[in-house]
């Protein structure tokens, strides 16, 4: 639940969007390396990059969900 005007919501959505973009980019590069049959070393590095990007993507989503939950708690308390 994105709250209009909440700077933290906007900041966290931006971080999550950036992390999703980074994950997609490195994942595509990794798949292209597999198709090109690049060296095992390059493939291993790209796999590690995909894993790291997935970690940061998931962490950004977790922080976003945790923040969004604070809005739901506040809304419930105000009712």
Protein backbone atom coordinates (compact mmCIF):
# COMPACT_ATOMS: atom_id res chain seq x y z
CA UNK A 1 0.00 0.00 0.00
CA UNK A 2 1.74 3.09 -1.22
CA UNK A 3 0.72 6.20 0.69
CA UNK A 4 0.71 9.35 -1.45
CA UNK A 5 2.97 12.02 -0.03
CA UNK A 6 4.99 9.66 2.18
CA UNK A 7 8.64 10.33 1.41
CA UNK A 8 9.75 7.04 2.96
CA UNK A 9 7.31 5.12 0.73
CA UNK A 10 8.71 6.89 -2.31
CA UNK A 11 12.31 6.28 -1.25
CA UNK A 12 11.71 2.59 -0.57
CA UNK A 13 9.81 2.11 -3.83
CA UNK A 14 12.71 3.72 -5.67
CA UNK A 15 15.20 1.41 -3.93
CA UNK A 16 13.05 -1.63 -4.76
CA UNK A 17 12.66 -0.55 -8.39
CA UNK A 18 16.42 -0.05 -8.71
CA UNK A 19 17.07 -3.47 -7.16
CA UNK A 20 14.59 -5.11 -9.56
CA UNK A 21 16.28 -3.41 -12.51
CA UNK A 22 19.74 -4.50 -11.33
CA UNK A 23 18.55 -8.08 -10.81
CA UNK A 24 16.98 -8.21 -14.26
CA UNK A 25 20.10 -6.83 -15.90
CA UNK A 26 22.57 -9.22 -14.25
CA UNK A 27 20.20 -12.15 -14.73
CA UNK A 28 19.98 -11.42 -18.48
CA UNK A 29 23.76 -11.11 -18.68
CA UNK A 30 24.12 -14.44 -16.92
CA UNK A 31 21.73 -16.15 -19.32
CA UNK A 32 23.51 -14.65 -22.32
CA UNK A 33 26.83 -15.92 -20.96
CA UNK A 34 25.34 -19.41 -20.75
CA UNK A 35 24.12 -19.20 -24.34
CA UNK A 36 27.52 -17.97 -25.50
CA UNK A 37 29.19 -20.72 -23.52
CA UNK A 38 31.51 -18.32 -21.75
CA UNK A 39 34.22 -19.67 -19.48
CA UNK A 40 33.15 -21.38 -16.26
CA UNK A 41 34.85 -18.62 -14.28
CA UNK A 42 32.73 -15.91 -15.91
CA UNK A 43 29.58 -17.98 -15.49
CA UNK A 44 30.38 -18.50 -11.79
CA UNK A 45 30.95 -14.78 -11.26
CA UNK A 46 27.70 -13.95 -12.99
CA UNK A 47 25.83 -16.55 -10.90
CA UNK A 48 27.22 -14.93 -7.76
CA UNK A 49 26.12 -11.56 -9.12
CA UNK A 50 22.60 -12.89 -9.72
CA UNK A 51 22.49 -14.28 -6.18
CA UNK A 52 23.66 -10.97 -4.70
CA UNK A 53 21.18 -8.98 -6.79
CA UNK A 54 18.36 -11.32 -5.73
CA UNK A 55 19.36 -10.83 -2.08
CA UNK A 56 19.26 -7.02 -2.38
CA UNK A 57 15.98 -7.15 -4.32
CA UNK A 58 14.40 -9.31 -1.62
CA UNK A 59 15.81 -7.12 1.16
CA UNK A 60 14.41 -3.99 -0.49
CA UNK A 61 10.99 -5.63 -0.82
CA UNK A 62 11.08 -6.69 2.85
CA UNK A 63 11.90 -3.13 3.97
CA UNK A 64 9.14 -1.78 1.74
CA UNK A 65 6.57 -4.21 3.14
CA UNK A 66 7.64 -3.46 6.71
CA UNK A 67 7.22 0.26 6.12
CA UNK A 68 3.87 -0.20 4.41
CA UNK A 69 2.69 -2.21 7.42
CA UNK A 70 3.30 0.85 9.62
CA UNK A 71 0.73 2.74 7.54
CA UNK A 72 -1.79 -0.07 8.01
CA UNK A 73 -1.20 -0.08 11.77
CA UNK A 74 -1.65 3.69 11.93
CA UNK A 75 -4.83 3.48 9.85
CA UNK A 76 -6.27 0.79 12.11
CA UNK A 77 -5.40 2.78 15.23
CA UNK A 78 -7.05 5.91 13.81
CA UNK A 79 -10.32 4.04 13.17
